[in-house]
PDB file of all heavy atoms in Angstrom:
ATOM      1  N   VAL A   1       6.357 -59.749  10.391  1.00  0.00           N
ATOM      2  CA  VAL A   1       5.646 -60.344   9.263  1.00  0.00           C
ATOM      3  C   VAL A   1       4.773 -61.512   9.690  1.00  0.00           C
ATOM      4  O   VAL A   1       3.632 -61.648   9.240  1.00  0.00           O
ATOM      5  CB  VAL A   1       6.633 -60.763   8.162  1.00  0.00           C
ATOM      6  CG1 VAL A   1       5.893 -61.388   6.980  1.00  0.00           C
ATOM      7  CG2 VAL A   1       7.442 -59.552   7.697  1.00  0.00           C
ATOM      8  N   ALA A   2       5.261 -62.371  10.565  1.00  0.00           N
ATOM      9  CA  ALA A   2       4.439 -63.492  11.039  1.00  0.00           C
ATOM     10  C   ALA A   2       5.038 -64.065  12.312  1.00  0.00           C
ATOM     11  O   ALA A   2       6.238 -64.338  12.365  1.00  0.00           O
ATOM     12  CB  ALA A   2       4.314 -64.587   9.989  1.00  0.00           C
ATOM     13  N   ASN A   3       4.204 -64.265  13.308  1.00  0.00           N
ATOM     14  CA  ASN A   3       4.627 -64.930  14.533  1.00  0.00           C
ATOM     15  C   ASN A   3       4.728 -66.429  14.307  1.00  0.00           C
ATOM     16  O   ASN A   3       3.799 -67.054  13.783  1.00  0.00           O
ATOM     17  CB  ASN A   3       3.612 -64.664  15.650  1.00  0.00           C
ATOM     18  CG  ASN A   3       3.919 -65.460  16.907  1.00  0.00           C
ATOM     19  OD1 ASN A   3       4.857 -65.170  17.624  1.00  0.00           O
ATOM     20  ND2 ASN A   3       3.105 -66.492  17.168  1.00  0.00           N
ATOM     21  N   GLU A   4       5.853 -67.013  14.654  1.00  0.00           N
ATOM     22  CA  GLU A   4       6.059 -68.455  14.650  1.00  0.00           C
ATOM     23  C   GLU A   4       5.481 -69.130  13.405  1.00  0.00           C
ATOM     24  O   GLU A   4       4.503 -69.889  13.491  1.00  0.00           O
ATOM     25  CB  GLU A   4       5.483 -69.073  15.933  1.00  0.00           C
ATOM     26  CG  GLU A   4       6.179 -68.553  17.181  1.00  0.00           C
ATOM     27  CD  GLU A   4       5.813 -69.316  18.444  1.00  0.00           C
ATOM     28  OE1 GLU A   4       4.902 -70.160  18.402  1.00  0.00           O
ATOM     29  OE2 GLU A   4       6.464 -69.058  19.481  1.00  0.00           O
ATOM     30  N   PRO A   5       6.072 -68.891  12.243  1.00  0.00           N
ATOM     31  CA  PRO A   5       5.593 -69.550  11.025  1.00  0.00           C
ATOM     32  C   PRO A   5       5.922 -71.038  11.046  1.00  0.00           C
ATOM     33  O   PRO A   5       6.997 -71.465  10.619  1.00  0.00           O
ATOM     34  CB  PRO A   5       6.347 -68.816   9.913  1.00  0.00           C
ATOM     35  CG  PRO A   5       7.591 -68.313  10.574  1.00  0.00           C
ATOM     36  CD  PRO A   5       7.217 -68.008  11.996  1.00  0.00           C
ATOM     37  N   ASN A   6       4.993 -71.817  11.541  1.00  0.00           N
ATOM     38  CA  ASN A   6       5.235 -73.243  11.770  1.00  0.00           C
ATOM     39  C   ASN A   6       4.897 -74.035  10.504  1.00  0.00           C
ATOM     40  O   ASN A   6       3.776 -74.527  10.323  1.00  0.00           O
ATOM     41  CB  ASN A   6       4.398 -73.729  12.947  1.00  0.00           C
ATOM     42  CG  ASN A   6       4.703 -72.962  14.217  1.00  0.00           C
ATOM     43  OD1 ASN A   6       5.844 -72.544  14.437  1.00  0.00           O
ATOM     44  ND2 ASN A   6       3.708 -72.741  15.051  1.00  0.00           N
ATOM     45  N   MET A   7       5.882 -74.148   9.639  1.00  0.00           N
ATOM     46  CA  MET A   7       5.697 -74.809   8.345  1.00  0.00           C
ATOM     47  C   MET A   7       7.065 -75.182   7.804  1.00  0.00           C
ATOM     48  O   MET A   7       8.097 -74.857   8.408  1.00  0.00           O
ATOM     49  CB  MET A   7       4.966 -73.878   7.385  1.00  0.00           C
ATOM     50  CG  MET A   7       5.677 -72.562   7.136  1.00  0.00           C
ATOM     51  SD  MET A   7       4.684 -71.341   6.223  1.00  0.00           S
ATOM     52  CE  MET A   7       3.540 -70.787   7.500  1.00  0.00           C
ATOM     53  N   LYS A   8       7.094 -75.867   6.671  1.00  0.00           N
ATOM     54  CA  LYS A   8       8.364 -76.217   6.056  1.00  0.00           C
ATOM     55  C   LYS A   8       9.106 -74.952   5.646  1.00  0.00           C
ATOM     56  O   LYS A   8       8.499 -73.966   5.237  1.00  0.00           O
ATOM     57  CB  LYS A   8       8.136 -77.107   4.840  1.00  0.00           C
ATOM     58  CG  LYS A   8       7.597 -78.490   5.174  1.00  0.00           C
ATOM     59  CD  LYS A   8       7.415 -79.323   3.922  1.00  0.00           C
ATOM     60  CE  LYS A   8       6.901 -80.717   4.254  1.00  0.00           C
ATOM     61  NZ  LYS A   8       6.699 -81.530   3.017  1.00  0.00           N
ATOM     62  N   ALA A   9      10.427 -75.023   5.744  1.00  0.00           N
ATOM     63  CA  ALA A   9      11.241 -73.839   5.473  1.00  0.00           C
ATOM     64  C   ALA A   9      11.030 -73.296   4.076  1.00  0.00           C
ATOM     65  O   ALA A   9      10.924 -72.079   3.873  1.00  0.00           O
ATOM     66  CB  ALA A   9      12.722 -74.172   5.691  1.00  0.00           C
ATOM     67  N   GLU A  10      10.931 -74.185   3.092  1.00  0.00           N
ATOM     68  CA  GLU A  10      10.795 -73.708   1.717  1.00  0.00           C
ATOM     69  C   GLU A  10       9.459 -73.004   1.494  1.00  0.00           C
ATOM     70  O   GLU A  10       9.365 -72.040   0.723  1.00  0.00           O
ATOM     71  CB  GLU A  10      10.967 -74.854   0.717  1.00  0.00           C
ATOM     72  CG  GLU A  10       9.986 -76.005   0.862  1.00  0.00           C
ATOM     73  CD  GLU A  10      10.486 -77.121   1.768  1.00  0.00           C
ATOM     74  OE1 GLU A  10      11.330 -76.838   2.644  1.00  0.00           O
ATOM     75  OE2 GLU A  10      10.022 -78.263   1.586  1.00  0.00           O
ATOM     76  N   ILE A  11       8.414 -73.448   2.210  1.00  0.00           N
ATOM     77  CA  ILE A  11       7.117 -72.797   2.084  1.00  0.00           C
ATOM     78  C   ILE A  11       7.146 -71.433   2.751  1.00  0.00           C
ATOM     79  O   ILE A  11       6.652 -70.444   2.194  1.00  0.00           O
ATOM     80  CB  ILE A  11       6.008 -73.688   2.678  1.00  0.00           C
ATOM     81  CG1 ILE A  11       5.876 -74.972   1.865  1.00  0.00           C
ATOM     82  CG2 ILE A  11       4.671 -72.937   2.721  1.00  0.00           C
ATOM     83  CD1 ILE A  11       4.848 -75.942   2.420  1.00  0.00           C
ATOM     84  N   TRP A  12       7.724 -71.362   3.944  1.00  0.00           N
ATOM     85  CA  TRP A  12       7.800 -70.071   4.617  1.00  0.00           C
ATOM     86  C   TRP A  12       8.644 -69.076   3.819  1.00  0.00           C
ATOM     87  O   TRP A  12       8.282 -67.911   3.678  1.00  0.00           O
ATOM     88  CB  TRP A  12       8.365 -70.226   6.018  1.00  0.00           C
ATOM     89  CG  TRP A  12       8.680 -68.907   6.682  1.00  0.00           C
ATOM     90  CD1 TRP A  12       9.860 -68.540   7.256  1.00  0.00           C
ATOM     91  CD2 TRP A  12       7.808 -67.783   6.845  1.00  0.00           C
ATOM     92  NE1 TRP A  12       9.786 -67.263   7.755  1.00  0.00           N
ATOM     93  CE2 TRP A  12       8.535 -66.767   7.513  1.00  0.00           C
ATOM     94  CE3 TRP A  12       6.486 -67.527   6.483  1.00  0.00           C
ATOM     95  CZ2 TRP A  12       7.990 -65.526   7.821  1.00  0.00           C
ATOM     96  CZ3 TRP A  12       5.930 -66.283   6.789  1.00  0.00           C
ATOM     97  CH2 TRP A  12       6.676 -65.306   7.451  1.00  0.00           C
ATOM     98  N   ASN A  13       9.750 -69.519   3.271  1.00  0.00           N
ATOM     99  CA  ASN A  13      10.593 -68.618   2.488  1.00  0.00           C
ATOM    100  C   ASN A  13       9.847 -68.089   1.268  1.00  0.00           C
ATOM    101  O   ASN A  13      10.006 -66.919   0.890  1.00  0.00           O
ATOM    102  CB  ASN A  13      11.873 -69.329   2.062  1.00  0.00           C
ATOM    103  CG  ASN A  13      12.828 -69.538   3.224  1.00  0.00           C
ATOM    104  OD1 ASN A  13      12.899 -68.730   4.153  1.00  0.00           O
ATOM    105  ND2 ASN A  13      13.574 -70.636   3.190  1.00  0.00           N
ATOM    106  N   GLU A  14       9.015 -68.918   0.663  1.00  0.00           N
ATOM    107  CA  GLU A  14       8.198 -68.477  -0.477  1.00  0.00           C
ATOM    108  C   GLU A  14       7.167 -67.439  -0.038  1.00  0.00           C
ATOM    109  O   GLU A  14       7.026 -66.380  -0.653  1.00  0.00           O
ATOM    110  CB  GLU A  14       7.477 -69.682  -1.091  1.00  0.00           C
ATOM    111  CG  GLU A  14       6.449 -69.323  -2.157  1.00  0.00           C
ATOM    112  CD  GLU A  14       5.536 -70.492  -2.507  1.00  0.00           C
ATOM    113  OE1 GLU A  14       6.023 -71.640  -2.516  1.00  0.00           O
ATOM    114  OE2 GLU A  14       4.337 -70.246  -2.762  1.00  0.00           O
ATOM    115  N   ILE A  15       6.435 -67.729   1.044  1.00  0.00           N
ATOM    116  CA  ILE A  15       5.417 -66.804   1.542  1.00  0.00           C
ATOM    117  C   ILE A  15       6.070 -65.511   2.005  1.00  0.00           C
ATOM    118  O   ILE A  15       5.570 -64.408   1.736  1.00  0.00           O
ATOM    119  CB  ILE A  15       4.616 -67.462   2.681  1.00  0.00           C
ATOM    120  CG1 ILE A  15       3.804 -68.641   2.131  1.00  0.00           C
ATOM    121  CG2 ILE A  15       3.697 -66.453   3.361  1.00  0.00           C
ATOM    122  CD1 ILE A  15       3.108 -69.466   3.207  1.00  0.00           C
ATOM    123  N   LEU A  16       7.188 -65.626   2.715  1.00  0.00           N
ATOM    124  CA  LEU A  16       7.909 -64.456   3.191  1.00  0.00           C
ATOM    125  C   LEU A  16       8.333 -63.555   2.037  1.00  0.00           C
ATOM    126  O   LEU A  16       8.178 -62.331   2.094  1.00  0.00           O
ATOM    127  CB  LEU A  16       9.137 -64.897   3.990  1.00  0.00           C
ATOM    128  CG  LEU A  16      10.160 -63.813   4.343  1.00  0.00           C
ATOM    129  CD1 LEU A  16       9.519 -62.732   5.202  1.00  0.00           C
ATOM    130  CD2 LEU A  16      11.366 -64.433   5.041  1.00  0.00           C
ATOM    131  N   ASN A  17       8.875 -64.150   0.989  1.00  0.00           N
ATOM    132  CA  ASN A  17       9.335 -63.363  -0.152  1.00  0.00           C
ATOM    133  C   ASN A  17       8.184 -62.573  -0.780  1.00  0.00           C
ATOM    134  O   ASN A  17       8.339 -61.394  -1.125  1.00  0.00           O
ATOM    135  CB  ASN A  17       9.964 -64.287  -1.193  1.00  0.00           C
ATOM    136  CG  ASN A  17      10.611 -63.524  -2.326  1.00  0.00           C
ATOM    137  OD1 ASN A  17      11.673 -62.936  -2.184  1.00  0.00           O
ATOM    138  ND2 ASN A  17       9.963 -63.529  -3.482  1.00  0.00           N
ATOM    139  N   ASP A  18       7.012 -63.218  -0.897  1.00  0.00           N
ATOM    140  CA  ASP A  18       5.849 -62.541  -1.473  1.00  0.00           C
ATOM    141  C   ASP A  18       5.333 -61.436  -0.551  1.00  0.00           C
ATOM    142  O   ASP A  18       4.974 -60.348  -1.008  1.00  0.00           O
ATOM    143  CB  ASP A  18       4.741 -63.549  -1.763  1.00  0.00           C
ATOM    144  CG  ASP A  18       5.104 -64.503  -2.893  1.00  0.00           C
ATOM    145  OD1 ASP A  18       6.069 -64.215  -3.630  1.00  0.00           O
ATOM    146  OD2 ASP A  18       4.430 -65.546  -3.039  1.00  0.00           O
ATOM    147  N   ALA A  19       5.295 -61.711   0.738  1.00  0.00           N
ATOM    148  CA  ALA A  19       4.835 -60.700   1.694  1.00  0.00           C
ATOM    149  C   ALA A  19       5.800 -59.519   1.720  1.00  0.00           C
ATOM    150  O   ALA A  19       5.383 -58.352   1.777  1.00  0.00           O
ATOM    151  CB  ALA A  19       4.708 -61.310   3.083  1.00  0.00           C
ATOM    152  N   HIS A  20       7.078 -59.817   1.685  1.00  0.00           N
ATOM    153  CA  HIS A  20       8.090 -58.765   1.681  1.00  0.00           C
ATOM    154  C   HIS A  20       7.893 -57.835   0.490  1.00  0.00           C
ATOM    155  O   HIS A  20       7.951 -56.603   0.623  1.00  0.00           O
ATOM    156  CB  HIS A  20       9.477 -59.406   1.646  1.00  0.00           C
ATOM    157  CG  HIS A  20      10.613 -58.446   1.544  1.00  0.00           C
ATOM    158  ND1 HIS A  20      11.110 -58.015   0.331  1.00  0.00           N
ATOM    159  CD2 HIS A  20      11.351 -57.818   2.500  1.00  0.00           C
ATOM    160  CE1 HIS A  20      12.100 -57.182   0.536  1.00  0.00           C
ATOM    161  NE2 HIS A  20      12.277 -57.044   1.841  1.00  0.00           N
ATOM    162  N   ALA A  21       7.660 -58.403  -0.688  1.00  0.00           N
ATOM    163  CA  ALA A  21       7.472 -57.587  -1.891  1.00  0.00           C
ATOM    164  C   ALA A  21       6.241 -56.698  -1.768  1.00  0.00           C
ATOM    165  O   ALA A  21       6.264 -55.525  -2.171  1.00  0.00           O
ATOM    166  CB  ALA A  21       7.352 -58.502  -3.110  1.00  0.00           C
ATOM    167  N   ILE A  22       5.168 -57.229  -1.204  1.00  0.00           N
ATOM    168  CA  ILE A  22       3.939 -56.454  -1.039  1.00  0.00           C
ATOM    169  C   ILE A  22       4.148 -55.307  -0.057  1.00  0.00           C
ATOM    170  O   ILE A  22       3.750 -54.166  -0.304  1.00  0.00           O
ATOM    171  CB  ILE A  22       2.801 -57.383  -0.577  1.00  0.00           C
ATOM    172  CG1 ILE A  22       2.329 -58.238  -1.754  1.00  0.00           C
ATOM    173  CG2 ILE A  22       1.642 -56.592   0.017  1.00  0.00           C
ATOM    174  CD1 ILE A  22       1.332 -59.311  -1.369  1.00  0.00           C
ATOM    175  N   ILE A  23       4.767 -55.593   1.083  1.00  0.00           N
ATOM    176  CA  ILE A  23       4.992 -54.562   2.094  1.00  0.00           C
ATOM    177  C   ILE A  23       5.931 -53.474   1.565  1.00  0.00           C
ATOM    178  O   ILE A  23       5.702 -52.278   1.773  1.00  0.00           O
ATOM    179  CB  ILE A  23       5.550 -55.188   3.381  1.00  0.00           C
ATOM    180  CG1 ILE A  23       4.501 -56.094   4.034  1.00  0.00           C
ATOM    181  CG2 ILE A  23       5.998 -54.111   4.370  1.00  0.00           C
ATOM    182  CD1 ILE A  23       5.038 -56.955   5.166  1.00  0.00           C
ATOM    183  N   ARG A  24       6.960 -53.880   0.852  1.00  0.00           N
ATOM    184  CA  ARG A  24       7.948 -52.914   0.377  1.00  0.00           C
ATOM    185  C   ARG A  24       7.386 -51.974  -0.698  1.00  0.00           C
ATOM    186  O   ARG A  24       7.919 -50.881  -0.906  1.00  0.00           O
ATOM    187  CB  ARG A  24       9.183 -53.646  -0.151  1.00  0.00           C
ATOM    188  CG  ARG A  24      10.110 -54.140   0.962  1.00  0.00           C
ATOM    189  CD  ARG A  24      10.787 -52.964   1.649  1.00  0.00           C
ATOM    190  NE  ARG A  24      11.681 -53.361   2.739  1.00  0.00           N
ATOM    191  CZ  ARG A  24      11.484 -53.063   4.012  1.00  0.00           C
ATOM    192  NH1 ARG A  24      10.407 -52.380   4.382  1.00  0.00           N
ATOM    193  NH2 ARG A  24      12.336 -53.429   4.938  1.00  0.00           N
ATOM    194  N   LYS A  25       6.303 -52.351  -1.365  1.00  0.00           N
ATOM    195  CA  LYS A  25       5.697 -51.451  -2.351  1.00  0.00           C
ATOM    196  C   LYS A  25       5.235 -50.151  -1.705  1.00  0.00           C
ATOM    197  O   LYS A  25       5.382 -49.077  -2.282  1.00  0.00           O
ATOM    198  CB  LYS A  25       4.514 -52.141  -3.045  1.00  0.00           C
ATOM    199  CG  LYS A  25       4.915 -53.153  -4.096  1.00  0.00           C
ATOM    200  CD  LYS A  25       3.736 -53.575  -4.954  1.00  0.00           C
ATOM    201  CE  LYS A  25       2.631 -54.221  -4.140  1.00  0.00           C
ATOM    202  NZ  LYS A  25       1.506 -54.699  -5.001  1.00  0.00           N
ATOM    203  N   SER A  26       4.647 -50.238  -0.524  1.00  0.00           N
ATOM    204  CA  SER A  26       4.132 -49.039   0.143  1.00  0.00           C
ATOM    205  C   SER A  26       5.006 -48.584   1.305  1.00  0.00           C
ATOM    206  O   SER A  26       4.882 -47.450   1.764  1.00  0.00           O
ATOM    207  CB  SER A  26       2.707 -49.310   0.666  1.00  0.00           C
ATOM    208  OG  SER A  26       2.679 -50.453   1.505  1.00  0.00           O
ATOM    209  N   ASN A  27       5.882 -49.454   1.783  1.00  0.00           N
ATOM    210  CA  ASN A  27       6.754 -49.134   2.920  1.00  0.00           C
ATOM    211  C   ASN A  27       8.196 -49.526   2.587  1.00  0.00           C
ATOM    212  O   ASN A  27       8.740 -50.473   3.159  1.00  0.00           O
ATOM    213  CB  ASN A  27       6.288 -49.869   4.177  1.00  0.00           C
ATOM    214  CG  ASN A  27       4.966 -49.373   4.709  1.00  0.00           C
ATOM    215  OD1 ASN A  27       4.909 -48.598   5.650  1.00  0.00           O
ATOM    216  ND2 ASN A  27       3.874 -49.826   4.095  1.00  0.00           N
ATOM    217  N   PRO A  28       8.835 -48.801   1.677  1.00  0.00           N
ATOM    218  CA  PRO A  28      10.174 -49.214   1.242  1.00  0.00           C
ATOM    219  C   PRO A  28      11.243 -49.125   2.321  1.00  0.00           C
ATOM    220  O   PRO A  28      12.269 -49.808   2.229  1.00  0.00           O
ATOM    221  CB  PRO A  28      10.476 -48.252   0.085  1.00  0.00           C
ATOM    222  CG  PRO A  28       9.604 -47.059   0.341  1.00  0.00           C
ATOM    223  CD  PRO A  28       8.355 -47.610   0.957  1.00  0.00           C
ATOM    224  N   ASN A  29      11.007 -48.321   3.353  1.00  0.00           N
ATOM    225  CA  ASN A  29      12.056 -48.086   4.343  1.00  0.00           C
ATOM    226  C   ASN A  29      11.683 -48.509   5.762  1.00  0.00           C
ATOM    227  O   ASN A  29      12.447 -48.259   6.692  1.00  0.00           O
ATOM    228  CB  ASN A  29      12.432 -46.599   4.351  1.00  0.00           C
ATOM    229  CG  ASN A  29      12.952 -46.134   3.010  1.00  0.00           C
ATOM    230  OD1 ASN A  29      13.814 -46.778   2.420  1.00  0.00           O
ATOM    231  ND2 ASN A  29      12.407 -45.037   2.500  1.00  0.00           N
ATOM    232  N   ARG A  30      10.535 -49.118   5.934  1.00  0.00           N
ATOM    233  CA  ARG A  30      10.124 -49.497   7.288  1.00  0.00           C
ATOM    234  C   ARG A  30      10.872 -50.752   7.746  1.00  0.00           C
ATOM    235  O   ARG A  30      11.065 -51.695   6.979  1.00  0.00           O
ATOM    236  CB  ARG A  30       8.611 -49.753   7.345  1.00  0.00           C
ATOM    237  CG  ARG A  30       8.100 -49.867   8.792  1.00  0.00           C
ATOM    238  CD  ARG A  30       6.580 -49.881   8.844  1.00  0.00           C
ATOM    239  NE  ARG A  30       6.003 -48.708   8.203  1.00  0.00           N
ATOM    240  CZ  ARG A  30       5.949 -47.485   8.744  1.00  0.00           C
ATOM    241  NH1 ARG A  30       6.463 -47.287   9.953  1.00  0.00           N
ATOM    242  NH2 ARG A  30       5.400 -46.486   8.094  1.00  0.00           N
ATOM    243  N   THR A  31      11.278 -50.768   9.011  1.00  0.00           N
ATOM    244  CA  THR A  31      11.971 -51.930   9.555  1.00  0.00           C
ATOM    245  C   THR A  31      11.002 -53.093   9.731  1.00  0.00           C
ATOM    246  O   THR A  31       9.930 -52.939  10.315  1.00  0.00           O
ATOM    247  CB  THR A  31      12.624 -51.596  10.901  1.00  0.00           C
ATOM    248  OG1 THR A  31      13.556 -50.522  10.700  1.00  0.00           O
ATOM    249  CG2 THR A  31      13.362 -52.797  11.466  1.00  0.00           C
ATOM    250  N   LEU A  32      11.400 -54.248   9.235  1.00  0.00           N
ATOM    251  CA  LEU A  32      10.584 -55.457   9.324  1.00  0.00           C
ATOM    252  C   LEU A  32      11.255 -56.462  10.244  1.00  0.00           C
ATOM    253  O   LEU A  32      12.469 -56.633  10.224  1.00  0.00           O
ATOM    254  CB  LEU A  32      10.398 -56.092   7.946  1.00  0.00           C
ATOM    255  CG  LEU A  32       9.833 -55.223   6.829  1.00  0.00           C
ATOM    256  CD1 LEU A  32       9.708 -56.029   5.545  1.00  0.00           C
ATOM    257  CD2 LEU A  32       8.479 -54.640   7.235  1.00  0.00           C
ATOM    258  N   LEU A  33      10.435 -57.153  11.049  1.00  0.00           N
ATOM    259  CA  LEU A  33      10.912 -58.264  11.850  1.00  0.00           C
ATOM    260  C   LEU A  33      10.475 -59.556  11.167  1.00  0.00           C
ATOM    261  O   LEU A  33       9.313 -59.710  10.787  1.00  0.00           O
ATOM    262  CB  LEU A  33      10.343 -58.210  13.268  1.00  0.00           C
ATOM    263  CG  LEU A  33      11.091 -57.318  14.264  1.00  0.00           C
ATOM    264  CD1 LEU A  33      10.854 -55.843  13.935  1.00  0.00           C
ATOM    265  CD2 LEU A  33      10.677 -57.613  15.690  1.00  0.00           C
ATOM    266  N   ILE A  34      11.419 -60.472  11.028  1.00  0.00           N
ATOM    267  CA  ILE A  34      11.174 -61.726  10.323  1.00  0.00           C
ATOM    268  C   ILE A  34      11.587 -62.883  11.225  1.00  0.00           C
ATOM    269  O   ILE A  34      12.699 -62.877  11.770  1.00  0.00           O
ATOM    270  CB  ILE A  34      11.951 -61.775   9.003  1.00  0.00           C
ATOM    271  CG1 ILE A  34      11.456 -60.667   8.056  1.00  0.00           C
ATOM    272  CG2 ILE A  34      11.834 -63.138   8.345  1.00  0.00           C
ATOM    273  CD1 ILE A  34      12.293 -60.507   6.799  1.00  0.00           C
ATOM    274  N   GLY A  35      10.707 -63.868  11.375  1.00  0.00           N
ATOM    275  CA  GLY A  35      10.971 -64.982  12.272  1.00  0.00           C
ATOM    276  C   GLY A  35      11.350 -66.260  11.559  1.00  0.00           C
ATOM    277  O   GLY A  35      11.090 -66.442  10.366  1.00  0.00           O
ATOM    278  N   THR A  36      11.968 -67.158  12.303  1.00  0.00           N
ATOM    279  CA  THR A  36      12.312 -68.477  11.794  1.00  0.00           C
ATOM    280  C   THR A  36      11.129 -69.421  11.967  1.00  0.00           C
ATOM    281  O   THR A  36      10.166 -69.133  12.682  1.00  0.00           O
ATOM    282  CB  THR A  36      13.533 -69.038  12.538  1.00  0.00           C
ATOM    283  OG1 THR A  36      13.226 -69.079  13.949  1.00  0.00           O
ATOM    284  CG2 THR A  36      14.750 -68.173  12.328  1.00  0.00           C
ATOM    285  N   ILE A  37      11.199 -70.566  11.326  1.00  0.00           N
ATOM    286  CA  ILE A  37      10.101 -71.534  11.364  1.00  0.00           C
ATOM    287  C   ILE A  37      10.039 -72.249  12.713  1.00  0.00           C
ATOM    288  O   ILE A  37      10.966 -72.185  13.517  1.00  0.00           O
ATOM    289  CB  ILE A  37      10.219 -72.577  10.229  1.00  0.00           C
ATOM    290  CG1 ILE A  37      11.519 -73.390  10.367  1.00  0.00           C
ATOM    291  CG2 ILE A  37      10.139 -71.901   8.870  1.00  0.00           C
ATOM    292  CD1 ILE A  37      11.596 -74.593   9.447  1.00  0.00           C
ATOM    293  N   ASN A  38       8.894 -72.914  12.919  1.00  0.00           N
ATOM    294  CA  ASN A  38       8.697 -73.833  14.042  1.00  0.00           C
ATOM    295  C   ASN A  38       9.015 -73.200  15.384  1.00  0.00           C
ATOM    296  O   ASN A  38       9.915 -73.613  16.112  1.00  0.00           O
ATOM    297  CB  ASN A  38       9.521 -75.109  13.841  1.00  0.00           C
ATOM    298  CG  ASN A  38       9.118 -75.866  12.597  1.00  0.00           C
ATOM    299  OD1 ASN A  38       7.982 -75.735  12.113  1.00  0.00           O
ATOM    300  ND2 ASN A  38      10.011 -76.654  12.040  1.00  0.00           N
ATOM    301  N   GLY A  39       8.222 -72.178  15.713  1.00  0.00           N
ATOM    302  CA  GLY A  39       8.368 -71.544  17.010  1.00  0.00           C
ATOM    303  C   GLY A  39       9.483 -70.525  17.081  1.00  0.00           C
ATOM    304  O   GLY A  39       9.939 -70.187  18.178  1.00  0.00           O
ATOM    305  N   ASN A  40       9.930 -70.029  15.925  1.00  0.00           N
ATOM    306  CA  ASN A  40      11.019 -69.035  15.887  1.00  0.00           C
ATOM    307  C   ASN A  40      12.282 -69.569  16.566  1.00  0.00           C
ATOM    308  O   ASN A  40      13.008 -68.809  17.220  1.00  0.00           O
ATOM    309  CB  ASN A  40      10.597 -67.716  16.544  1.00  0.00           C
ATOM    310  CG  ASN A  40       9.627 -66.911  15.706  1.00  0.00           C
ATOM    311  OD1 ASN A  40       8.691 -67.448  15.145  1.00  0.00           O
ATOM    312  ND2 ASN A  40       9.840 -65.620  15.637  1.00  0.00           N
ATOM    313  N   GLN A  41      12.558 -70.851  16.401  1.00  0.00           N
ATOM    314  CA  GLN A  41      13.683 -71.452  17.109  1.00  0.00           C
ATOM    315  C   GLN A  41      15.028 -71.061  16.489  1.00  0.00           C
ATOM    316  O   GLN A  41      15.158 -70.903  15.273  1.00  0.00           O
ATOM    317  CB  GLN A  41      13.553 -72.973  17.109  1.00  0.00           C
ATOM    318  CG  GLN A  41      12.399 -73.498  17.939  1.00  0.00           C
ATOM    319  CD  GLN A  41      12.398 -75.006  18.021  1.00  0.00           C
ATOM    320  OE1 GLN A  41      13.318 -75.612  18.581  1.00  0.00           O
ATOM    321  NE2 GLN A  41      11.375 -75.632  17.458  1.00  0.00           N
ATOM    322  N   ILE A  42      16.019 -70.948  17.352  1.00  0.00           N
ATOM    323  CA  ILE A  42      17.370 -70.597  16.935  1.00  0.00           C
ATOM    324  C   ILE A  42      17.915 -71.596  15.919  1.00  0.00           C
ATOM    325  O   ILE A  42      18.580 -71.212  14.954  1.00  0.00           O
ATOM    326  CB  ILE A  42      18.298 -70.502  18.162  1.00  0.00           C
ATOM    327  CG1 ILE A  42      17.960 -69.265  18.997  1.00  0.00           C
ATOM    328  CG2 ILE A  42      19.773 -70.485  17.750  1.00  0.00           C
ATOM    329  CD1 ILE A  42      18.687 -69.188  20.328  1.00  0.00           C
ATOM    330  N   LYS A  43      17.636 -72.871  16.104  1.00  0.00           N
ATOM    331  CA  LYS A  43      18.253 -73.883  15.237  1.00  0.00           C
ATOM    332  C   LYS A  43      17.773 -73.806  13.797  1.00  0.00           C
ATOM    333  O   LYS A  43      18.374 -74.430  12.910  1.00  0.00           O
ATOM    334  CB  LYS A  43      18.002 -75.290  15.796  1.00  0.00           C
ATOM    335  CG  LYS A  43      16.560 -75.742  15.789  1.00  0.00           C
ATOM    336  CD  LYS A  43      16.465 -77.146  16.386  1.00  0.00           C
ATOM    337  CE  LYS A  43      15.036 -77.675  16.427  1.00  0.00           C
ATOM    338  NZ  LYS A  43      14.978 -79.028  17.018  1.00  0.00           N
ATOM    339  N   TYR A  44      16.717 -73.022  13.531  1.00  0.00           N
ATOM    340  CA  TYR A  44      16.240 -72.880  12.161  1.00  0.00           C
ATOM    341  C   TYR A  44      16.708 -71.586  11.504  1.00  0.00           C
ATOM    342  O   TYR A  44      16.276 -71.268  10.388  1.00  0.00           O
ATOM    343  CB  TYR A  44      14.719 -72.970  12.117  1.00  0.00           C
ATOM    344  CG  TYR A  44      14.204 -74.331  12.520  1.00  0.00           C
ATOM    345  CD1 TYR A  44      13.519 -74.512  13.720  1.00  0.00           C
ATOM    346  CD2 TYR A  44      14.428 -75.452  11.721  1.00  0.00           C
ATOM    347  CE1 TYR A  44      13.067 -75.763  14.105  1.00  0.00           C
ATOM    348  CE2 TYR A  44      13.985 -76.704  12.095  1.00  0.00           C
ATOM    349  CZ  TYR A  44      13.308 -76.854  13.293  1.00  0.00           C
ATOM    350  OH  TYR A  44      12.864 -78.097  13.673  1.00  0.00           O
ATOM    351  N   LEU A  45      17.586 -70.838  12.161  1.00  0.00           N
ATOM    352  CA  LEU A  45      18.164 -69.651  11.528  1.00  0.00           C
ATOM    353  C   LEU A  45      18.832 -70.008  10.205  1.00  0.00           C
ATOM    354  O   LEU A  45      18.748 -69.257   9.223  1.00  0.00           O
ATOM    355  CB  LEU A  45      19.185 -68.996  12.458  1.00  0.00           C
ATOM    356  CG  LEU A  45      18.633 -68.167  13.621  1.00  0.00           C
ATOM    357  CD1 LEU A  45      19.749 -67.865  14.619  1.00  0.00           C
ATOM    358  CD2 LEU A  45      17.998 -66.883  13.122  1.00  0.00           C
ATOM    359  N   LYS A  46      19.457 -71.151  10.164  1.00  0.00           N
ATOM    360  CA  LYS A  46      20.194 -71.566   8.970  1.00  0.00           C
ATOM    361  C   LYS A  46      19.280 -71.778   7.773  1.00  0.00           C
ATOM    362  O   LYS A  46      19.749 -71.744   6.607  1.00  0.00           O
ATOM    363  CB  LYS A  46      20.976 -72.849   9.255  1.00  0.00           C
ATOM    364  CG  LYS A  46      20.103 -74.034   9.657  1.00  0.00           C
ATOM    365  CD  LYS A  46      20.921 -75.264   9.963  1.00  0.00           C
ATOM    366  CE  LYS A  46      20.067 -76.412  10.482  1.00  0.00           C
ATOM    367  NZ  LYS A  46      18.926 -76.778   9.633  1.00  0.00           N
ATOM    368  N   ASP A  47      18.006 -71.991   7.994  1.00  0.00           N
ATOM    369  CA  ASP A  47      17.070 -72.271   6.904  1.00  0.00           C
ATOM    370  C   ASP A  47      16.351 -71.026   6.395  1.00  0.00           C
ATOM    371  O   ASP A  47      15.615 -71.093   5.414  1.00  0.00           O
ATOM    372  CB  ASP A  47      16.020 -73.292   7.364  1.00  0.00           C
ATOM    373  CG  ASP A  47      16.646 -74.603   7.792  1.00  0.00           C
ATOM    374  OD1 ASP A  47      17.507 -75.108   7.051  1.00  0.00           O
ATOM    375  OD2 ASP A  47      16.281 -75.115   8.867  1.00  0.00           O
TER     376      ASP A  47
END
């Protein structure tokens, strides 16, 4: 969905949710890769 979404967690979660809904309309079963904020760092998995 996006490489290294470097932004506040709440903003990325909002954008991600909207993108997910759009993609799922035409691709309900396709596997999606979703990254964490700020360089896809492990420490932001919790957010």
